[in-house]
Amino acid sequence: MCLIGCSGQSDADKALLDEAGRYHMEAIDIQEQVEPVIDRIDSVRTLLAKKTSPEAKAAGQSLDSLKTAFEEWEENLVEVPGLKHDHHEHGEGKHHHHHHHNNDTKDMPADQLRDLQQAFLANIRQIQQQTQQAMERANRLL
């Protein structure tokens, strides 16, 4: 669970920051579900490269684009100031999700921070859905 340390803030700001924290934590949960699929893209891409069909080429390009989108999403992800949560341990050789502590967000109005976290959540949901679809398409071609 998340706790927001918001001393000196209005109840409305606290509520908005709590909401931002919930969006952030949900996005992290989805990130952890998508990561293993992203980790398999290179091996699937290698198998697709052996195929000569235009569909296989397009599927490979789609997977490459989604891997890039996921990596950019991770690079741009920012913490909610004051958000405390458990960091999950990953096995050896696995990705370690990371959060960027962007000093610009600590002074961001609570409603804008909530909207930013909501956008991060929407983006990772879209990446998740598109990655699942692309992997299903790729697997049908293999």
Protein backbone atom coordinates (compact mmCIF):
# COMPACT_ATOMS: atom_id res chain seq x y z
CA MET A 1 0.00 0.00 0.00
CA CYS A 2 1.09 3.54 -0.48
CA LEU A 3 1.22 6.33 2.00
CA ILE A 4 1.62 9.92 1.04
CA GLY A 5 3.51 12.19 3.40
CA CYS A 6 1.86 15.52 2.75
CA SER A 7 2.47 17.83 5.66
CA GLY A 8 1.26 21.35 5.14
CA GLN A 9 -1.01 20.49 2.25
CA SER A 10 -4.73 20.93 1.95
CA ASP A 11 -7.08 17.97 2.21
CA ALA A 12 -7.86 18.42 -1.48
CA ASP A 13 -4.16 18.21 -2.37
CA LYS A 14 -3.73 15.16 -0.16
CA ALA A 15 -6.65 13.45 -1.91
CA LEU A 16 -5.19 14.29 -5.33
CA LEU A 17 -1.75 13.00 -4.30
CA ASP A 18 -3.31 9.81 -2.92
CA GLU A 19 -5.04 9.35 -6.27
CA ALA A 20 -1.76 10.03 -8.10
CA GLY A 21 -0.10 7.42 -5.89
CA ARG A 22 -2.76 4.84 -6.72
CA TYR A 23 -2.28 5.48 -10.45
CA HIS A 24 1.47 5.19 -10.03
CA MET A 25 1.27 1.89 -8.14
CA GLU A 26 -1.15 0.42 -10.68
CA ALA A 27 1.20 1.46 -13.48
CA ILE A 28 4.10 -0.25 -11.67
CA ASP A 29 2.04 -3.43 -11.31
CA ILE A 30 1.34 -3.44 -15.06
CA GLN A 31 5.00 -2.67 -15.79
CA GLU A 32 5.97 -5.78 -13.83
CA GLN A 33 3.54 -7.87 -15.91
CA VAL A 34 4.79 -6.45 -19.23
CA GLU A 35 8.53 -6.75 -18.48
CA PRO A 36 8.80 -10.53 -18.99
CA VAL A 37 7.03 -10.21 -22.34
CA ILE A 38 9.35 -7.37 -23.37
CA ASP A 39 12.30 -9.54 -22.32
CA ARG A 40 11.18 -12.22 -24.82
CA ILE A 41 10.92 -9.84 -27.78
CA ASP A 42 14.52 -10.29 -28.92
CA SER A 43 14.22 -14.08 -29.14
CA VAL A 44 10.87 -13.87 -30.95
CA ARG A 45 12.33 -11.22 -33.26
CA THR A 46 15.24 -13.55 -34.10
CA LEU A 47 12.79 -16.30 -35.05
CA LEU A 48 10.71 -13.90 -37.13
CA ALA A 49 13.82 -12.74 -38.99
CA LYS A 50 14.17 -16.26 -40.41
CA LYS A 51 10.78 -15.87 -42.08
CA THR A 52 10.58 -14.11 -45.43
CA SER A 53 6.94 -13.05 -45.41
CA PRO A 54 5.97 -9.38 -45.24
CA GLU A 55 3.76 -10.25 -42.27
CA ALA A 56 6.75 -11.59 -40.32
CA LYS A 57 8.77 -8.49 -41.14
CA ALA A 58 5.91 -6.23 -40.02
CA ALA A 59 5.43 -8.24 -36.82
CA GLY A 60 9.13 -7.90 -36.01
CA GLN A 61 9.05 -4.16 -36.59
CA SER A 62 5.97 -3.84 -34.41
CA LEU A 63 7.69 -5.72 -31.59
CA ASP A 64 10.78 -3.51 -31.91
CA SER A 65 8.60 -0.38 -31.69
CA LEU A 66 6.81 -1.68 -28.62
CA LYS A 67 10.08 -2.55 -26.90
CA THR A 68 11.30 0.99 -27.57
CA ALA A 69 8.01 2.46 -26.31
CA PHE A 70 8.30 0.42 -23.10
CA GLU A 71 11.90 1.50 -22.52
CA GLU A 72 10.98 5.15 -23.09
CA TRP A 73 8.04 4.79 -20.71
CA GLU A 74 10.38 3.45 -18.03
CA GLU A 75 12.89 6.25 -18.63
CA ASN A 76 10.23 8.93 -18.26
CA LEU A 77 8.39 7.48 -15.27
CA VAL A 78 8.52 9.75 -12.23
CA GLU A 79 7.71 9.19 -8.57
CA VAL A 80 4.91 10.85 -6.71
CA PRO A 81 6.65 12.97 -4.04
CA GLY A 82 6.21 11.34 -0.65
CA LEU A 83 4.98 8.04 -2.10
CA LYS A 84 6.23 5.08 -0.12
CA HIS A 85 5.91 1.54 -1.38
CA ASP A 86 7.60 -1.81 -1.25
CA HIS A 87 10.24 -2.42 -3.89
CA HIS A 88 9.82 -5.85 -5.41
CA GLU A 89 12.81 -8.11 -5.73
CA HIS A 90 13.42 -9.61 -9.14
CA GLY A 91 15.36 -12.78 -9.84
CA GLU A 92 18.88 -12.75 -11.19
CA GLY A 93 19.06 -11.56 -14.79
CA LYS A 94 15.71 -9.80 -14.60
CA HIS A 95 14.98 -6.14 -15.10
CA HIS A 96 14.86 -3.98 -12.04
CA HIS A 97 12.19 -1.38 -12.39
CA HIS A 98 13.30 2.03 -11.42
CA HIS A 99 11.72 5.33 -10.66
CA HIS A 100 13.09 8.65 -11.61
CA HIS A 101 13.00 11.29 -8.97
CA ASN A 102 12.34 14.35 -11.03
CA ASN A 103 12.74 17.47 -8.92
CA ASP A 104 10.33 19.29 -11.22
CA THR A 105 7.43 17.16 -9.93
CA LYS A 106 7.84 18.03 -6.25
CA ASP A 107 6.62 21.56 -6.95
CA MET A 108 4.00 20.46 -9.47
CA PRO A 109 0.40 21.21 -8.44
CA ALA A 110 -1.31 18.09 -7.10
CA ASP A 111 -3.93 18.04 -9.87
CA GLN A 112 -1.25 18.15 -12.57
CA LEU A 113 0.75 15.40 -10.85
CA ARG A 114 -2.40 13.27 -10.66
CA ASP A 115 -3.04 13.88 -14.36
CA LEU A 116 0.57 13.00 -15.19
CA GLN A 117 0.36 9.71 -13.28
CA GLN A 118 -2.98 8.95 -14.93
CA ALA A 119 -1.33 9.49 -18.32
CA PHE A 120 1.55 7.16 -17.38
CA LEU A 121 -1.01 4.53 -16.38
CA ALA A 122 -2.97 4.91 -19.62
CA ASN A 123 0.26 4.68 -21.62
CA ILE A 124 1.49 1.47 -19.95
CA ARG A 125 -1.97 -0.09 -20.36
CA GLN A 126 -1.79 0.68 -24.08
CA ILE A 127 1.74 -0.74 -24.33
CA GLN A 128 0.56 -3.87 -22.48
CA GLN A 129 -2.40 -4.39 -24.81
CA GLN A 130 -0.41 -3.75 -27.98
CA THR A 131 2.46 -5.97 -26.83
CA GLN A 132 0.09 -8.85 -26.10
CA GLN A 133 -1.52 -8.46 -29.53
CA ALA A 134 1.84 -8.22 -31.31
CA MET A 135 3.19 -11.30 -29.53
CA GLU A 136 0.05 -13.27 -30.42
CA ARG A 137 0.44 -12.20 -34.06
CA ALA A 138 4.13 -13.12 -34.02
CA ASN A 139 3.47 -16.52 -32.47
CA ARG A 140 0.91 -17.33 -35.18
CA LEU A 141 3.59 -16.60 -37.79
CA LEU A 142 6.21 -18.84 -36.20
